[in-house]
Amino acid sequence: MNAPAWRVWLVVALVCGWGILSIRFVQRQEWPMAGLCVLLLITNAITLWRLTKHGK
């Protein structure tokens, strides 16, 4: 897959954002939202792996 650089950076930003939100919700003990954020973090991490696994 030849993904444009902006898409890779967008997914990196999303992974970081979901990670930060996950930590916030865990600290507040809001488990359903923390679970949702972790799920979206994993989904975006898999997308990032697929975008970058073949190299350029």
Protein backbone atom coordinates (compact mmCIF):
# COMPACT_ATOMS: atom_id res chain seq x y z
CA MET A 1 0.00 0.00 0.00
CA ASN A 2 1.41 3.38 -0.95
CA ALA A 3 -0.27 5.64 1.57
CA PRO A 4 0.31 9.37 1.33
CA ALA A 5 2.39 10.85 4.14
CA TRP A 6 -0.51 12.96 5.42
CA ARG A 7 -2.60 9.83 6.01
CA VAL A 8 0.16 8.15 8.00
CA TRP A 9 0.56 11.28 10.15
CA LEU A 10 -3.21 11.53 10.61
CA VAL A 11 -3.38 7.96 11.90
CA VAL A 12 -0.38 8.60 14.18
CA ALA A 13 -2.20 11.62 15.62
CA LEU A 14 -5.36 9.55 16.12
CA VAL A 15 -3.44 6.80 17.92
CA CYS A 16 -1.88 9.38 20.25
CA GLY A 17 -5.22 11.08 20.84
CA TRP A 18 -7.06 7.87 21.67
CA GLY A 19 -4.23 6.85 24.00
CA ILE A 20 -4.43 10.15 25.89
CA LEU A 21 -8.22 9.92 26.15
CA SER A 22 -7.96 6.31 27.35
CA ILE A 23 -5.62 7.34 30.16
CA ARG A 24 -7.94 10.22 31.14
CA PHE A 25 -11.03 8.00 31.30
CA VAL A 26 -9.19 5.30 33.27
CA GLN A 27 -8.09 7.94 35.80
CA ARG A 28 -11.71 9.07 36.16
CA GLN A 29 -12.84 5.41 36.34
CA GLU A 30 -15.25 5.85 33.46
CA TRP A 31 -14.88 2.30 32.19
CA PRO A 32 -17.28 2.26 29.20
CA MET A 33 -15.62 5.31 27.63
CA ALA A 34 -12.15 4.00 28.49
CA GLY A 35 -13.02 0.71 26.78
CA LEU A 36 -14.29 2.52 23.69
CA CYS A 37 -11.12 4.62 23.49
CA VAL A 38 -8.92 1.54 23.86
CA LEU A 39 -10.88 -0.20 21.10
CA LEU A 40 -10.42 2.78 18.78
CA LEU A 41 -6.73 2.97 19.75
CA ILE A 42 -6.22 -0.67 18.76
CA THR A 43 -8.15 -0.22 15.51
CA ASN A 44 -6.05 2.79 14.51
CA ALA A 45 -2.83 1.06 15.56
CA ILE A 46 -3.68 -1.87 13.26
CA THR A 47 -4.42 0.61 10.45
CA LEU A 48 -1.07 2.30 11.05
CA TRP A 49 0.70 -1.06 10.98
CA ARG A 50 -0.98 -1.93 7.67
CA LEU A 51 -0.07 1.44 6.17
CA THR A 52 3.59 1.16 7.11
CA LYS A 53 4.45 -2.56 7.01
CA HIS A 54 5.50 -2.67 3.34
CA GLY A 55 7.89 0.25 3.42
CA LYS A 56 8.26 2.67 0.54
